[in-house]
Amino acid sequence: MHSTFVFPKSQRGISLSGLIFVLAVLGFIGVFAMKVFPTYLEYKSSKDAIAAAKATNGSPMEMRQAFDKNADINRIETIAGKDLLISKETGETELSFAYQKKIPMFANVSLLIDYAATTARNGAAPAADATAAK
């Protein structure tokens, strides 16, 4: 009695080294997302806060105070009302801000993100040297 063993034509599945590589890539993406996502949420909150401050239609000081109140509620810590650029170039008061966020990734590697927003309809923030209401 001879029994013949038939080998499968091809193997299926993932090798241990392939699994380790996939897990390492997923881990890196996860750490990257956990470090970047909070800064993006803060930027979105800041953008919403300048829109709310503009809606007050008050003086530049009142708009800064409205932004600061909104910043306290939404935990905006990167910028404050004093950092806002308030201009009246097109006859309508526009608020804008720009800042850089440095995110340490690992060892001596960091990620630098430039965030900027404005309430201007054309999306262009006024130049920093433009006359701004204080």
Protein backbone atom coordinates (compact mmCIF):
# COMPACT_ATOMS: atom_id res chain seq x y z
CA MET A 1 0.00 0.00 0.00
CA HIS A 2 1.49 3.14 -1.17
CA SER A 3 -0.14 6.35 -0.10
CA THR A 4 0.78 9.34 -2.06
CA PHE A 5 0.92 12.72 -0.45
CA VAL A 6 -0.09 15.58 -2.69
CA PHE A 7 1.61 18.89 -2.00
CA PRO A 8 -0.50 21.98 -2.46
CA LYS A 9 0.32 23.91 -5.61
CA SER A 10 0.84 27.14 -3.75
CA GLN A 11 0.87 28.21 -0.17
CA ARG A 12 -1.55 30.79 1.09
CA GLY A 13 -1.25 33.22 3.96
CA ILE A 14 1.30 35.64 5.25
CA SER A 15 4.72 34.86 6.64
CA LEU A 16 5.81 35.97 10.09
CA SER A 17 8.20 38.56 8.67
CA GLY A 18 5.42 39.88 6.42
CA LEU A 19 3.08 40.13 9.40
CA ILE A 20 5.69 41.99 11.46
CA PHE A 21 6.28 44.43 8.58
CA VAL A 22 2.55 45.10 8.15
CA LEU A 23 2.10 45.63 11.90
CA ALA A 24 5.08 48.01 11.99
CA VAL A 25 3.63 50.08 9.13
CA LEU A 26 0.20 50.16 10.78
CA GLY A 27 1.80 51.14 14.10
CA PHE A 28 3.71 54.00 12.46
CA ILE A 29 0.53 55.26 10.76
CA GLY A 30 -1.34 55.00 14.08
CA VAL A 31 1.28 56.98 16.01
CA PHE A 32 1.44 59.57 13.22
CA ALA A 33 -2.36 60.00 13.27
CA MET A 34 -2.48 60.24 17.08
CA LYS A 35 0.08 63.04 17.05
CA VAL A 36 -1.26 65.03 14.07
CA PHE A 37 -5.03 64.71 14.52
CA PRO A 38 -5.27 66.82 17.74
CA THR A 39 -3.42 69.71 16.07
CA TYR A 40 -5.80 69.52 13.11
CA LEU A 41 -8.81 69.59 15.45
CA GLU A 42 -7.38 72.65 17.19
CA TYR A 43 -6.92 74.34 13.79
CA LYS A 44 -10.53 73.58 12.82
CA SER A 45 -11.73 74.96 16.16
CA SER A 46 -9.64 78.11 15.62
CA LYS A 47 -11.13 78.53 12.17
CA ASP A 48 -14.65 78.22 13.57
CA ALA A 49 -13.76 80.62 16.39
CA ILE A 50 -12.68 83.41 14.01
CA ALA A 51 -15.94 82.96 12.08
CA ALA A 52 -17.89 83.28 15.35
CA ALA A 53 -15.82 86.32 16.39
CA LYS A 54 -16.49 88.00 13.04
CA ALA A 55 -20.22 87.35 13.47
CA THR A 56 -20.24 89.59 16.56
CA ASN A 57 -19.76 92.60 14.23
CA GLY A 58 -18.11 94.41 17.11
CA SER A 59 -14.94 96.39 17.46
CA PRO A 60 -11.58 94.65 17.01
CA MET A 61 -11.27 94.40 20.81
CA GLU A 62 -14.72 92.78 21.09
CA MET A 63 -13.82 90.32 18.32
CA ARG A 64 -10.61 89.37 20.11
CA GLN A 65 -12.53 88.89 23.36
CA ALA A 66 -15.13 86.73 21.56
CA PHE A 67 -12.31 84.64 20.10
CA ASP A 68 -10.69 84.26 23.54
CA LYS A 69 -13.99 83.10 25.07
CA ASN A 70 -14.44 80.58 22.27
CA ALA A 71 -10.80 79.50 22.68
CA ASP A 72 -11.38 78.83 26.39
CA ILE A 73 -14.40 76.66 25.63
CA ASN A 74 -12.77 74.74 22.76
CA ARG A 75 -9.31 74.40 24.36
CA ILE A 76 -7.48 76.42 21.74
CA GLU A 77 -4.03 76.94 23.22
CA THR A 78 -1.87 77.70 20.20
CA ILE A 79 -3.20 81.17 19.40
CA ALA A 80 -5.02 83.86 21.32
CA GLY A 81 -7.09 86.89 20.42
CA LYS A 82 -3.98 89.08 20.44
CA ASP A 83 -2.52 86.92 17.64
CA LEU A 84 -5.39 87.60 15.24
CA LEU A 85 -4.85 89.86 12.27
CA ILE A 86 -7.90 92.08 11.84
CA SER A 87 -8.17 94.11 8.67
CA LYS A 88 -10.76 96.10 6.78
CA GLU A 89 -9.41 96.09 3.22
CA THR A 90 -12.62 95.43 1.26
CA GLY A 91 -14.91 97.45 3.50
CA GLU A 92 -15.76 94.38 5.54
CA THR A 93 -13.85 93.36 8.64
CA GLU A 94 -11.81 90.21 8.07
CA LEU A 95 -10.03 88.11 10.66
CA SER A 96 -7.11 85.83 9.94
CA PHE A 97 -4.33 83.94 11.65
CA ALA A 98 -1.29 81.90 10.73
CA TYR A 99 0.95 79.77 12.88
CA GLN A 100 3.32 76.85 12.75
CA LYS A 101 2.96 73.72 14.82
CA LYS A 102 6.02 71.56 15.49
CA ILE A 103 5.13 67.98 16.35
CA PRO A 104 7.93 65.78 17.73
CA MET A 105 7.66 62.35 16.12
CA PHE A 106 10.56 60.28 17.47
CA ALA A 107 14.20 60.86 18.43
CA ASN A 108 15.30 64.03 16.60
CA VAL A 109 12.58 63.88 13.91
CA SER A 110 9.78 66.45 13.99
CA LEU A 111 6.92 67.40 11.71
CA LEU A 112 6.31 71.10 11.03
CA ILE A 113 2.82 72.09 9.84
CA ASP A 114 1.82 75.60 8.70
CA TYR A 115 -1.78 76.42 9.62
CA ALA A 116 -3.52 79.54 8.30
CA ALA A 117 -7.14 80.65 8.01
CA THR A 118 -9.12 83.74 7.18
CA THR A 119 -12.72 84.86 7.04
CA ALA A 120 -12.15 86.57 3.69
CA ARG A 121 -14.31 85.14 0.90
CA ASN A 122 -11.40 84.87 -1.51
CA GLY A 123 -9.48 82.83 1.06
CA ALA A 124 -6.42 85.08 0.89
CA ALA A 125 -5.18 86.37 4.21
CA PRO A 126 -4.00 89.98 4.22
CA ALA A 127 -0.27 90.55 4.33
CA ALA A 128 1.26 90.85 7.78
CA ASP A 129 2.54 94.34 6.99
CA ALA A 130 -0.93 95.54 5.95
CA THR A 131 -2.61 98.02 8.23
CA ALA A 132 -4.37 96.02 10.90
CA ALA A 133 -6.78 97.36 13.48
CA LYS A 134 -5.35 96.86 16.94
